[in-house]
Amino acid sequence: MEFGTAFAGEFDPEQVALRDSVREFLASPGYSWARLTGELGLTALAVPEEHGGFGATAVEAGIALEEAGATLLSAPLLSITATALSLDPALPAAAELLPALAAGTTVGALALGGTVETVPTGDGHVLDGRVEHVLDGDLADVFVVEAGGDLYVTDTLVVRPTPTLDTTRGQATVILTGSPARLVARGGAPHALDVLHAALAADSVGVARASLRATVEHLRTRHQFGVPLATFQALRHRVADLYVLLEQATSTARHALQVAGTPEFALAAPLAKLAATEAAYTVTREAIQLLGGIGFTWEHPAHRYLKRATANHLLTGDPAALRRRLLARAFA
């Protein structure tokens, strides 16, 4: 069985076609952001039709993010998708932003969990504070910032790119000083964090799948003592354990996307982030060992998958923080 197809039965034919199209597109040489946004329209998936998008569900968006993770896509697809899913289209500022996000001409990033205060003004709000580790903050044109549990959009702030272990995607610290902002989701901060958790879970499933696939291919083709490494029982057991871990993460991440928009999402999203990022971290770390000498070389992509998995593992809450969040919500 090919990795990543065990749950294909959960997808309808259109979703399977989307997955295959995105997979083929990202595997082809020479793809560009213009083609990704124009030819495939991936940034428009999660945007309602009346705002220039395709009106797809979080499941379709997750399919694209999973395939992007498998290829370590170095483009802000995840941040644009998460930003679009976090906005309230009923608010004027959100309705104005959505078409630009759908077209991919504006890059939005979620700046959550910082120390930001808001002050009402005659025609909106101003924000003061600081948010660290903003994913794709180095590329963003606008930022959707959490303040007092609400979400505000602003493009007037100081952006300081932050060097990170993961070189496939950037992060930044954003500093707001009297930054004019407009409301885009009242009370929307908890939901935005859940959306980001689910998006990172989908990305992590793709990372783990691609890493494990490359490892299995190596074990099948690399010979030791005249036989493939895949014939050694100890290695087969290690790969089997990783495969089970990946399938558990896949099921959890896809379930979270299926229940987006329901009360269950508040528990399913952080659980998916916990399961998927821990699985990706374990798989990519073990892959370097199973690949032997080449796993430690700079030229082999194994280290890049480990670094992406590590970043996903720590972003928006480490495992301990996620468990506390789950416990609090389960007994709320």
C-alpha atoms as a PDB file:
ATOM      1  CA  MET A   1       0.000   0.000   0.000  1.00  0.00           C
ATOM      2  CA  GLU A   2       1.332   3.446  -0.887  1.00  0.00           C
ATOM      3  CA  PHE A   3       1.778   5.783   2.060  1.00  0.00           C
ATOM      4  CA  GLY A   4      -0.974   8.353   2.297  1.00  0.00           C
ATOM      5  CA  THR A   5      -3.673   6.359   0.484  1.00  0.00           C
ATOM      6  CA  ALA A   6      -5.090   4.274   3.339  1.00  0.00           C
ATOM      7  CA  PHE A   7      -7.851   6.797   3.955  1.00  0.00           C
ATOM      8  CA  ALA A   8      -8.586   7.563   0.297  1.00  0.00           C
ATOM      9  CA  GLY A   9     -11.996   5.969   0.785  1.00  0.00           C
ATOM     10  CA  GLU A  10     -12.971   8.927   2.962  1.00  0.00           C
ATOM     11  CA  PHE A  11     -12.588  11.261  -0.019  1.00  0.00           C
ATOM     12  CA  ASP A  12     -15.122  11.670  -2.778  1.00  0.00           C
ATOM     13  CA  PRO A  13     -13.921  11.500  -6.419  1.00  0.00           C
ATOM     14  CA  GLU A  14     -13.467  15.266  -6.653  1.00  0.00           C
ATOM     15  CA  GLN A  15     -11.314  15.310  -3.538  1.00  0.00           C
ATOM     16  CA  VAL A  16      -9.201  12.428  -4.820  1.00  0.00           C
ATOM     17  CA  ALA A  17      -8.755  14.314  -8.100  1.00  0.00           C
ATOM     18  CA  LEU A  18      -7.712  17.424  -6.174  1.00  0.00           C
ATOM     19  CA  ARG A  19      -5.149  15.448  -4.191  1.00  0.00           C
ATOM     20  CA  ASP A  20      -3.707  13.853  -7.301  1.00  0.00           C
ATOM     21  CA  SER A  21      -3.575  17.170  -9.173  1.00  0.00           C
ATOM     22  CA  VAL A  22      -1.796  18.952  -6.329  1.00  0.00           C
ATOM     23  CA  ARG A  23       0.607  16.049  -5.865  1.00  0.00           C
ATOM     24  CA  GLU A  24       1.469  15.960  -9.570  1.00  0.00           C
ATOM     25  CA  PHE A  25       1.810  19.738  -9.744  1.00  0.00           C
ATOM     26  CA  LEU A  26       4.165  20.001  -6.767  1.00  0.00           C
ATOM     27  CA  ALA A  27       6.257  17.089  -8.008  1.00  0.00           C
ATOM     28  CA  SER A  28       6.849  18.769 -11.375  1.00  0.00           C
ATOM     29  CA  PRO A  29       9.912  20.975 -11.857  1.00  0.00           C
ATOM     30  CA  GLY A  30       9.467  24.663 -12.392  1.00  0.00           C
ATOM     31  CA  TYR A  31       6.229  25.250 -10.523  1.00  0.00           C
ATOM     32  CA  SER A  32       5.793  28.810  -9.331  1.00  0.00           C
ATOM     33  CA  TRP A  33       3.632  30.834  -6.972  1.00  0.00           C
ATOM     34  CA  ALA A  34       1.854  32.354  -9.968  1.00  0.00           C
ATOM     35  CA  ARG A  35       0.949  28.897 -11.279  1.00  0.00           C
ATOM     36  CA  LEU A  36       0.001  27.638  -7.811  1.00  0.00           C
ATOM     37  CA  THR A  37      -2.408  30.528  -7.280  1.00  0.00           C
ATOM     38  CA  GLY A  38      -3.572  30.896 -10.878  1.00  0.00           C
ATOM     39  CA  GLU A  39      -3.521  27.472 -12.495  1.00  0.00           C
ATOM     40  CA  LEU A  40      -4.569  25.481  -9.421  1.00  0.00           C
ATOM     41  CA  GLY A  41      -6.064  28.291  -7.339  1.00  0.00           C
ATOM     42  CA  LEU A  42      -4.983  26.690  -4.074  1.00  0.00           C
ATOM     43  CA  THR A  43      -5.145  29.969  -2.160  1.00  0.00           C
ATOM     44  CA  ALA A  44      -8.800  30.280  -3.170  1.00  0.00           C
ATOM     45  CA  LEU A  45      -9.906  26.894  -1.837  1.00  0.00           C
ATOM     46  CA  ALA A  46     -10.979  28.044   1.624  1.00  0.00           C
ATOM     47  CA  VAL A  47     -12.494  31.357   0.538  1.00  0.00           C
ATOM     48  CA  PRO A  48     -16.304  31.596   0.012  1.00  0.00           C
ATOM     49  CA  GLU A  49     -17.446  31.915  -3.602  1.00  0.00           C
ATOM     50  CA  GLU A  50     -19.046  35.297  -2.991  1.00  0.00           C
ATOM     51  CA  HIS A  51     -15.611  36.602  -1.999  1.00  0.00           C
ATOM     52  CA  GLY A  52     -13.694  35.301  -5.007  1.00  0.00           C
ATOM     53  CA  GLY A  53     -12.919  31.788  -3.817  1.00  0.00           C
ATOM     54  CA  PHE A  54     -14.039  28.234  -4.543  1.00  0.00           C
ATOM     55  CA  GLY A  55     -16.064  27.804  -1.355  1.00  0.00           C
ATOM     56  CA  ALA A  56     -14.368  24.504  -0.523  1.00  0.00           C
ATOM     57  CA  THR A  57     -14.387  22.986   2.948  1.00  0.00           C
ATOM     58  CA  ALA A  58     -11.507  22.641   5.370  1.00  0.00           C
ATOM     59  CA  VAL A  59     -11.076  19.071   4.103  1.00  0.00           C
ATOM     60  CA  GLU A  60     -10.110  20.257   0.607  1.00  0.00           C
ATOM     61  CA  ALA A  61      -7.814  22.882   2.092  1.00  0.00           C
ATOM     62  CA  GLY A  62      -6.206  20.189   4.234  1.00  0.00           C
ATOM     63  CA  ILE A  63      -5.614  17.984   1.199  1.00  0.00           C
ATOM     64  CA  ALA A  64      -3.593  20.767  -0.402  1.00  0.00           C
ATOM     65  CA  LEU A  65      -1.670  21.463   2.810  1.00  0.00           C
ATOM     66  CA  GLU A  66      -0.825  17.795   3.271  1.00  0.00           C
ATOM     67  CA  GLU A  67       0.655  17.599  -0.211  1.00  0.00           C
ATOM     68  CA  ALA A  68       2.499  20.874   0.353  1.00  0.00           C
ATOM     69  CA  GLY A  69       4.042  19.426   3.489  1.00  0.00           C
ATOM     70  CA  ALA A  70       5.157  16.330   1.602  1.00  0.00           C
ATOM     71  CA  THR A  71       7.202  18.510  -0.769  1.00  0.00           C
ATOM     72  CA  LEU A  72       8.339  20.994   1.908  1.00  0.00           C
ATOM     73  CA  LEU A  73       6.694  23.796  -0.045  1.00  0.00           C
ATOM     74  CA  SER A  74       8.540  27.050   0.663  1.00  0.00           C
ATOM     75  CA  ALA A  75       5.557  29.297   0.010  1.00  0.00           C
ATOM     76  CA  PRO A  76       2.973  30.850   2.368  1.00  0.00           C
ATOM     77  CA  LEU A  77       0.064  28.589   1.373  1.00  0.00           C
ATOM     78  CA  LEU A  78      -0.536  27.422   4.948  1.00  0.00           C
ATOM     79  CA  SER A  79      -0.643  30.941   6.377  1.00  0.00           C
ATOM     80  CA  ILE A  80      -2.980  32.272   3.682  1.00  0.00           C
ATOM     81  CA  THR A  81      -5.296  29.292   4.110  1.00  0.00           C
ATOM     82  CA  ALA A  82      -5.371  29.591   7.902  1.00  0.00           C
ATOM     83  CA  THR A  83      -5.907  33.340   7.705  1.00  0.00           C
ATOM     84  CA  ALA A  84      -8.826  32.988   5.287  1.00  0.00           C
ATOM     85  CA  LEU A  85     -10.498  30.333   7.459  1.00  0.00           C
ATOM     86  CA  SER A  86     -10.176  32.562  10.534  1.00  0.00           C
ATOM     87  CA  LEU A  87     -11.982  35.633   9.184  1.00  0.00           C
ATOM     88  CA  ASP A  88     -15.636  36.532   9.641  1.00  0.00           C
ATOM     89  CA  PRO A  89     -16.899  37.471   6.153  1.00  0.00           C
ATOM     90  CA  ALA A  90     -19.790  39.383   7.709  1.00  0.00           C
ATOM     91  CA  LEU A  91     -17.385  42.107   8.844  1.00  0.00           C
ATOM     92  CA  PRO A  92     -16.447  44.710   6.193  1.00  0.00           C
ATOM     93  CA  ALA A  93     -12.683  44.518   6.739  1.00  0.00           C
ATOM     94  CA  ALA A  94     -12.725  40.726   6.394  1.00  0.00           C
ATOM     95  CA  ALA A  95     -14.883  40.870   3.262  1.00  0.00           C
ATOM     96  CA  GLU A  96     -12.427  43.322   1.711  1.00  0.00           C
ATOM     97  CA  LEU A  97      -9.408  41.139   2.514  1.00  0.00           C
ATOM     98  CA  LEU A  98     -10.741  37.770   1.353  1.00  0.00           C
ATOM     99  CA  PRO A  99     -10.604  38.356  -2.438  1.00  0.00           C
ATOM    100  CA  ALA A 100      -6.929  39.351  -2.258  1.00  0.00           C
ATOM    101  CA  LEU A 101      -6.151  36.264  -0.190  1.00  0.00           C
ATOM    102  CA  ALA A 102      -8.039  34.094  -2.673  1.00  0.00           C
ATOM    103  CA  ALA A 103      -6.057  35.507  -5.591  1.00  0.00           C
ATOM    104  CA  GLY A 104      -2.771  35.049  -3.763  1.00  0.00           C
ATOM    105  CA  THR A 105      -1.841  38.665  -4.425  1.00  0.00           C
ATOM    106  CA  THR A 106      -1.864  39.418  -0.701  1.00  0.00           C
ATOM    107  CA  VAL A 107      -0.082  37.225   1.815  1.00  0.00           C
ATOM    108  CA  GLY A 108      -1.775  37.120   5.190  1.00  0.00           C
ATOM    109  CA  ALA A 109      -0.267  35.752   8.404  1.00  0.00           C
ATOM    110  CA  LEU A 110      -1.792  34.963  11.779  1.00  0.00           C
ATOM    111  CA  ALA A 111      -0.110  36.712  14.710  1.00  0.00           C
ATOM    112  CA  LEU A 112      -1.549  34.902  17.731  1.00  0.00           C
ATOM    113  CA  GLY A 113      -0.639  34.532  21.373  1.00  0.00           C
ATOM    114  CA  GLY A 114       1.359  37.716  21.817  1.00  0.00           C
ATOM    115  CA  THR A 115       0.985  40.609  24.240  1.00  0.00           C
ATOM    116  CA  VAL A 116      -1.146  43.005  22.210  1.00  0.00           C
ATOM    117  CA  GLU A 117      -3.564  45.600  23.525  1.00  0.00           C
ATOM    118  CA  THR A 118      -6.225  47.398  21.531  1.00  0.00           C
ATOM    119  CA  VAL A 119      -7.546  50.932  21.914  1.00  0.00           C
ATOM    120  CA  PRO A 120     -10.750  51.994  20.108  1.00  0.00           C
ATOM    121  CA  THR A 121     -10.560  55.119  17.950  1.00  0.00           C
ATOM    122  CA  GLY A 122     -13.121  57.072  16.001  1.00  0.00           C
ATOM    123  CA  ASP A 123     -12.793  54.972  12.856  1.00  0.00           C
ATOM    124  CA  GLY A 124     -11.356  51.691  14.149  1.00  0.00           C
ATOM    125  CA  HIS A 125      -8.695  50.569  16.597  1.00  0.00           C
ATOM    126  CA  VAL A 126      -4.988  50.931  17.243  1.00  0.00           C
ATOM    127  CA  LEU A 127      -2.806  48.056  18.451  1.00  0.00           C
ATOM    128  CA  ASP A 128       0.216  48.072  20.719  1.00  0.00           C
ATOM    129  CA  GLY A 129       2.311  45.045  21.568  1.00  0.00           C
ATOM    130  CA  ARG A 130       4.496  42.271  20.269  1.00  0.00           C
ATOM    131  CA  VAL A 131       4.007  38.789  18.797  1.00  0.00           C
ATOM    132  CA  GLU A 132       6.856  36.339  18.285  1.00  0.00           C
ATOM    133  CA  HIS A 133       7.255  33.324  15.992  1.00  0.00           C
ATOM    134  CA  VAL A 134       4.726  34.478  13.406  1.00  0.00           C
ATOM    135  CA  LEU A 135       4.777  31.860  10.657  1.00  0.00           C
ATOM    136  CA  ASP A 136       5.489  33.390   7.235  1.00  0.00           C
ATOM    137  CA  GLY A 137       5.708  36.772   8.925  1.00  0.00           C
ATOM    138  CA  ASP A 138       8.776  37.539   6.838  1.00  0.00           C
ATOM    139  CA  LEU A 139       6.649  37.353   3.662  1.00  0.00           C
ATOM    140  CA  ALA A 140       3.302  38.701   4.843  1.00  0.00           C
ATOM    141  CA  ASP A 141       1.680  41.837   3.476  1.00  0.00           C
ATOM    142  CA  VAL A 142      -0.992  41.979   6.188  1.00  0.00           C
ATOM    143  CA  PHE A 143      -1.249  40.499   9.659  1.00  0.00           C
ATOM    144  CA  VAL A 144      -4.318  39.237  11.461  1.00  0.00           C
ATOM    145  CA  VAL A 145      -3.476  39.967  15.082  1.00  0.00           C
ATOM    146  CA  GLU A 146      -5.028  38.651  18.278  1.00  0.00           C
ATOM    147  CA  ALA A 147      -5.930  41.299  20.854  1.00  0.00           C
ATOM    148  CA  GLY A 148      -8.362  40.775  23.703  1.00  0.00           C
ATOM    149  CA  GLY A 149      -9.709  37.603  22.137  1.00  0.00           C
ATOM    150  CA  ASP A 150     -10.661  39.397  18.901  1.00  0.00           C
ATOM    151  CA  LEU A 151      -8.845  39.449  15.558  1.00  0.00           C
ATOM    152  CA  TYR A 152      -7.736  42.647  13.829  1.00  0.00           C
ATOM    153  CA  VAL A 153      -6.037  43.180  10.485  1.00  0.00           C
ATOM    154  CA  THR A 154      -3.196  45.640  10.070  1.00  0.00           C
ATOM    155  CA  ASP A 155      -0.301  46.302   7.731  1.00  0.00           C
ATOM    156  CA  THR A 156       1.333  49.023   9.813  1.00  0.00           C
ATOM    157  CA  LEU A 157       3.914  47.404  12.047  1.00  0.00           C
ATOM    158  CA  VAL A 158       7.587  46.527  12.373  1.00  0.00           C
ATOM    159  CA  VAL A 159       8.577  43.075  11.094  1.00  0.00           C
ATOM    160  CA  ARG A 160      11.796  41.463  12.253  1.00  0.00           C
ATOM    161  CA  PRO A 161      12.578  38.149  10.490  1.00  0.00           C
ATOM    162  CA  THR A 162      13.679  35.481  12.947  1.00  0.00           C
ATOM    163  CA  PRO A 163      16.339  32.890  12.056  1.00  0.00           C
ATOM    164  CA  THR A 164      15.000  29.395  12.731  1.00  0.00           C
ATOM    165  CA  LEU A 165      16.084  25.786  12.444  1.00  0.00           C
ATOM    166  CA  ASP A 166      13.628  25.259   9.581  1.00  0.00           C
ATOM    167  CA  THR A 167      14.963  26.912   6.429  1.00  0.00           C
ATOM    168  CA  THR A 168      11.939  25.927   4.324  1.00  0.00           C
ATOM    169  CA  ARG A 169       9.635  28.519   5.922  1.00  0.00           C
ATOM    170  CA  GLY A 170      10.289  31.830   7.602  1.00  0.00           C
ATOM    171  CA  GLN A 171       9.146  33.284  10.891  1.00  0.00           C
ATOM    172  CA  ALA A 172       9.175  36.797  12.277  1.00  0.00           C
ATOM    173  CA  THR A 173       8.608  38.900  15.352  1.00  0.00           C
ATOM    174  CA  VAL A 174       6.080  41.682  14.778  1.00  0.00           C
ATOM    175  CA  ILE A 175       5.997  44.864  16.844  1.00  0.00           C
ATOM    176  CA  LEU A 176       2.936  47.106  16.901  1.00  0.00           C
ATOM    177  CA  THR A 177       3.097  50.698  18.086  1.00  0.00           C
ATOM    178  CA  GLY A 178      -0.108  52.642  17.597  1.00  0.00           C
ATOM    179  CA  SER A 179      -0.858  50.465  14.559  1.00  0.00           C
ATOM    180  CA  PRO A 180      -4.238  51.263  12.980  1.00  0.00           C
ATOM    181  CA  ALA A 181      -6.308  48.096  12.638  1.00  0.00           C
ATOM    182  CA  ARG A 182      -9.780  46.899  11.716  1.00  0.00           C
ATOM    183  CA  LEU A 183     -11.841  44.146  13.284  1.00  0.00           C
ATOM    184  CA  VAL A 184     -12.066  40.947  11.195  1.00  0.00           C
ATOM    185  CA  ALA A 185     -13.412  38.431  13.739  1.00  0.00           C
ATOM    186  CA  ARG A 186     -15.079  39.239  17.032  1.00  0.00           C
ATOM    187  CA  GLY A 187     -14.041  36.674  19.647  1.00  0.00           C
ATOM    188  CA  GLY A 188     -12.254  34.794  16.872  1.00  0.00           C
ATOM    189  CA  ALA A 189      -8.844  34.217  18.449  1.00  0.00           C
ATOM    190  CA  PRO A 190      -9.531  30.731  19.902  1.00  0.00           C
ATOM    191  CA  HIS A 191     -10.982  29.564  16.581  1.00  0.00           C
ATOM    192  CA  ALA A 192      -8.016  30.996  14.670  1.00  0.00           C
ATOM    193  CA  LEU A 193      -5.623  29.037  16.878  1.00  0.00           C
ATOM    194  CA  ASP A 194      -7.646  25.881  16.265  1.00  0.00           C
ATOM    195  CA  VAL A 195      -7.470  26.511  12.517  1.00  0.00           C
ATOM    196  CA  LEU A 196      -3.710  26.959  12.703  1.00  0.00           C
ATOM    197  CA  HIS A 197      -3.417  23.754  14.734  1.00  0.00           C
ATOM    198  CA  ALA A 198      -5.390  21.802  12.132  1.00  0.00           C
ATOM    199  CA  ALA A 199      -3.350  23.303   9.287  1.00  0.00           C
ATOM    200  CA  LEU A 200      -0.056  22.405  10.963  1.00  0.00           C
ATOM    201  CA  ALA A 201      -1.395  18.902  11.559  1.00  0.00           C
ATOM    202  CA  ALA A 202      -2.150  18.443   7.865  1.00  0.00           C
ATOM    203  CA  ASP A 203       1.267  19.791   6.902  1.00  0.00           C
ATOM    204  CA  SER A 204       2.925  17.439   9.410  1.00  0.00           C
ATOM    205  CA  VAL A 205       1.130  14.393   8.031  1.00  0.00           C
ATOM    206  CA  GLY A 206       2.551  15.218   4.599  1.00  0.00           C
ATOM    207  CA  VAL A 207       6.027  15.662   6.074  1.00  0.00           C
ATOM    208  CA  ALA A 208       5.885  12.304   7.859  1.00  0.00           C
ATOM    209  CA  ARG A 209       4.473  10.493   4.836  1.00  0.00           C
ATOM    210  CA  ALA A 210       7.176  11.742   2.464  1.00  0.00           C
ATOM    211  CA  SER A 211       9.949  11.030   4.961  1.00  0.00           C
ATOM    212  CA  LEU A 212       8.763   7.495   5.617  1.00  0.00           C
ATOM    213  CA  ARG A 213       8.258   6.808   1.912  1.00  0.00           C
ATOM    214  CA  ALA A 214      11.852   7.842   1.151  1.00  0.00           C
ATOM    215  CA  THR A 215      13.111   5.690   4.012  1.00  0.00           C
ATOM    216  CA  VAL A 216      11.239   2.596   2.846  1.00  0.00           C
ATOM    217  CA  GLU A 217      12.494   3.083  -0.704  1.00  0.00           C
ATOM    218  CA  HIS A 218      16.060   3.212   0.627  1.00  0.00           C
ATOM    219  CA  LEU A 219      15.588   0.018   2.621  1.00  0.00           C
ATOM    220  CA  ARG A 220      14.174  -1.738  -0.425  1.00  0.00           C
ATOM    221  CA  THR A 221      16.991  -0.779  -2.752  1.00  0.00           C
ATOM    222  CA  ARG A 222      20.037  -0.679  -0.447  1.00  0.00           C
ATOM    223  CA  HIS A 223      21.773  -4.059  -0.066  1.00  0.00           C
ATOM    224  CA  GLN A 224      23.749  -5.424   2.863  1.00  0.00           C
ATOM    225  CA  PHE A 225      25.336  -8.882   2.840  1.00  0.00           C
ATOM    226  CA  GLY A 226      23.855  -9.440  -0.603  1.00  0.00           C
ATOM    227  CA  VAL A 227      20.206  -8.803   0.384  1.00  0.00           C
ATOM    228  CA  PRO A 228      18.008  -5.664   0.655  1.00  0.00           C
ATOM    229  CA  LEU A 229      17.989  -3.965   4.036  1.00  0.00           C
ATOM    230  CA  ALA A 230      14.212  -4.346   4.011  1.00  0.00           C
ATOM    231  CA  THR A 231      14.624  -8.084   4.609  1.00  0.00           C
ATOM    232  CA  PHE A 232      16.083  -7.548   8.094  1.00  0.00           C
ATOM    233  CA  GLN A 233      13.389  -8.159  10.679  1.00  0.00           C
ATOM    234  CA  ALA A 234      14.588  -5.503  13.136  1.00  0.00           C
ATOM    235  CA  LEU A 235      14.339  -2.801  10.470  1.00  0.00           C
ATOM    236  CA  ARG A 236      10.945  -4.060   9.307  1.00  0.00           C
ATOM    237  CA  HIS A 237       9.610  -3.815  12.866  1.00  0.00           C
ATOM    238  CA  ARG A 238      10.853  -0.245  13.245  1.00  0.00           C
ATOM    239  CA  VAL A 239       9.237   0.800   9.972  1.00  0.00           C
ATOM    240  CA  ALA A 240       5.980  -0.954  10.919  1.00  0.00           C
ATOM    241  CA  ASP A 241       5.825   1.018  14.165  1.00  0.00           C
ATOM    242  CA  LEU A 242       6.386   4.271  12.280  1.00  0.00           C
ATOM    243  CA  TYR A 243       3.699   3.367   9.750  1.00  0.00           C
ATOM    244  CA  VAL A 244       1.155   2.766  12.535  1.00  0.00           C
ATOM    245  CA  LEU A 245       2.092   6.105  14.082  1.00  0.00           C
ATOM    246  CA  LEU A 246       1.615   7.830  10.727  1.00  0.00           C
ATOM    247  CA  GLU A 247      -1.785   6.240  10.147  1.00  0.00           C
ATOM    248  CA  GLN A 248      -2.969   7.300  13.597  1.00  0.00           C
ATOM    249  CA  ALA A 249      -1.837  10.853  12.916  1.00  0.00           C
ATOM    250  CA  THR A 250      -3.455  10.841   9.482  1.00  0.00           C
ATOM    251  CA  SER A 251      -6.793   9.722  10.892  1.00  0.00           C
ATOM    252  CA  THR A 252      -6.693  12.302  13.682  1.00  0.00           C
ATOM    253  CA  ALA A 253      -5.707  15.195  11.396  1.00  0.00           C
ATOM    254  CA  ARG A 254      -8.311  14.416   8.761  1.00  0.00           C
ATOM    255  CA  HIS A 255     -11.024  13.989  11.368  1.00  0.00           C
ATOM    256  CA  ALA A 256     -10.276  17.463  12.702  1.00  0.00           C
ATOM    257  CA  LEU A 257     -10.729  18.909   9.225  1.00  0.00           C
ATOM    258  CA  GLN A 258     -13.991  17.020   8.766  1.00  0.00           C
ATOM    259  CA  VAL A 259     -15.494  18.499  11.946  1.00  0.00           C
ATOM    260  CA  ALA A 260     -14.348  22.073  11.281  1.00  0.00           C
ATOM    261  CA  GLY A 261     -17.269  24.393  11.892  1.00  0.00           C
ATOM    262  CA  THR A 262     -18.741  22.188  14.626  1.00  0.00           C
ATOM    263  CA  PRO A 263     -18.271  22.367  18.420  1.00  0.00           C
ATOM    264  CA  GLU A 264     -16.107  19.223  18.227  1.00  0.00           C
ATOM    265  CA  PHE A 265     -13.433  21.173  16.338  1.00  0.00           C
ATOM    266  CA  ALA A 266     -12.305  22.871  19.571  1.00  0.00           C
ATOM    267  CA  LEU A 267     -11.067  19.494  20.847  1.00  0.00           C
ATOM    268  CA  ALA A 268     -10.235  17.813  17.553  1.00  0.00           C
ATOM    269  CA  ALA A 269      -7.883  20.543  16.281  1.00  0.00           C
ATOM    270  CA  PRO A 270      -5.380  20.663  19.180  1.00  0.00           C
ATOM    271  CA  LEU A 271      -5.535  16.869  19.419  1.00  0.00           C
ATOM    272  CA  ALA A 272      -4.688  16.632  15.717  1.00  0.00           C
ATOM    273  CA  LYS A 273      -1.795  19.041  16.132  1.00  0.00           C
ATOM    274  CA  LEU A 274      -0.483  17.032  19.072  1.00  0.00           C
ATOM    275  CA  ALA A 275      -0.754  13.655  17.319  1.00  0.00           C
ATOM    276  CA  ALA A 276       0.455  14.737  13.891  1.00  0.00           C
ATOM    277  CA  THR A 277       3.418  16.851  14.963  1.00  0.00           C
ATOM    278  CA  GLU A 278       4.641  14.230  17.426  1.00  0.00           C
ATOM    279  CA  ALA A 279       4.324  11.583  14.701  1.00  0.00           C
ATOM    280  CA  ALA A 280       6.196  13.721  12.175  1.00  0.00           C
ATOM    281  CA  TYR A 281       8.942  14.485  14.678  1.00  0.00           C
ATOM    282  CA  THR A 282       9.347  10.793  15.534  1.00  0.00           C
ATOM    283  CA  VAL A 283       9.228   9.578  11.923  1.00  0.00           C
ATOM    284  CA  THR A 284      11.712  12.130  10.594  1.00  0.00           C
ATOM    285  CA  ARG A 285      14.103  11.561  13.496  1.00  0.00           C
ATOM    286  CA  GLU A 286      13.978   7.781  13.034  1.00  0.00           C
ATOM    287  CA  ALA A 287      14.340   8.177   9.275  1.00  0.00           C
ATOM    288  CA  ILE A 288      17.781   9.699   9.657  1.00  0.00           C
ATOM    289  CA  GLN A 289      18.852   6.629  11.625  1.00  0.00           C
ATOM    290  CA  LEU A 290      17.295   4.157   9.191  1.00  0.00           C
ATOM    291  CA  LEU A 291      18.889   5.879   6.215  1.00  0.00           C
ATOM    292  CA  GLY A 292      22.311   5.155   7.646  1.00  0.00           C
ATOM    293  CA  GLY A 293      25.260   7.240   6.489  1.00  0.00           C
ATOM    294  CA  ILE A 294      23.381   9.217   3.843  1.00  0.00           C
ATOM    295  CA  GLY A 295      20.836  10.346   6.418  1.00  0.00           C
ATOM    296  CA  PHE A 296      23.484  12.542   8.010  1.00  0.00           C
ATOM    297  CA  THR A 297      24.590  14.243   4.797  1.00  0.00           C
ATOM    298  CA  TRP A 298      23.647  17.797   3.882  1.00  0.00           C
ATOM    299  CA  GLU A 299      22.738  16.772   0.337  1.00  0.00           C
ATOM    300  CA  HIS A 300      20.034  14.310   1.420  1.00  0.00           C
ATOM    301  CA  PRO A 301      16.663  15.957   2.237  1.00  0.00           C
ATOM    302  CA  ALA A 302      16.199  13.948   5.463  1.00  0.00           C
ATOM    303  CA  HIS A 303      17.463  16.797   7.635  1.00  0.00           C
ATOM    304  CA  ARG A 304      15.087  19.253   5.963  1.00  0.00           C
ATOM    305  CA  TYR A 305      12.096  17.065   6.834  1.00  0.00           C
ATOM    306  CA  LEU A 306      13.324  16.769  10.422  1.00  0.00           C
ATOM    307  CA  LYS A 307      13.695  20.536  10.696  1.00  0.00           C
ATOM    308  CA  ARG A 308      10.201  21.192   9.315  1.00  0.00           C
ATOM    309  CA  ALA A 309       8.788  18.577  11.693  1.00  0.00           C
ATOM    310  CA  THR A 310      10.624  20.153  14.627  1.00  0.00           C
ATOM    311  CA  ALA A 311       9.291  23.609  13.801  1.00  0.00           C
ATOM    312  CA  ASN A 312       5.729  22.304  13.472  1.00  0.00           C
ATOM    313  CA  HIS A 313       6.181  20.436  16.755  1.00  0.00           C
ATOM    314  CA  LEU A 314       6.969  23.633  18.656  1.00  0.00           C
ATOM    315  CA  LEU A 315       4.863  26.260  16.873  1.00  0.00           C
ATOM    316  CA  THR A 316       1.684  27.486  18.643  1.00  0.00           C
ATOM    317  CA  GLY A 317       2.241  25.304  21.682  1.00  0.00           C
ATOM    318  CA  ASP A 318       4.531  22.405  22.531  1.00  0.00           C
ATOM    319  CA  PRO A 319       3.026  19.000  23.501  1.00  0.00           C
ATOM    320  CA  ALA A 320       2.736  19.941  27.188  1.00  0.00           C
ATOM    321  CA  ALA A 321       0.835  23.141  26.357  1.00  0.00           C
ATOM    322  CA  LEU A 322      -1.462  21.277  23.970  1.00  0.00           C
ATOM    323  CA  ARG A 323      -2.264  18.657  26.602  1.00  0.00           C
ATOM    324  CA  ARG A 324      -3.151  21.394  29.082  1.00  0.00           C
ATOM    325  CA  ARG A 325      -5.366  23.029  26.461  1.00  0.00           C
ATOM    326  CA  LEU A 326      -7.114  19.736  25.722  1.00  0.00           C
ATOM    327  CA  LEU A 327      -7.659  19.011  29.402  1.00  0.00           C
ATOM    328  CA  ALA A 328      -9.128  22.443  30.036  1.00  0.00           C
ATOM    329  CA  ARG A 329     -11.515  22.179  27.098  1.00  0.00           C
ATOM    330  CA  ALA A 330     -12.543  18.613  27.844  1.00  0.00           C
ATOM    331  CA  PHE A 331     -13.759  19.584  31.297  1.00  0.00           C
ATOM    332  CA  ALA A 332     -15.004  23.083  30.496  1.00  0.00           C
END
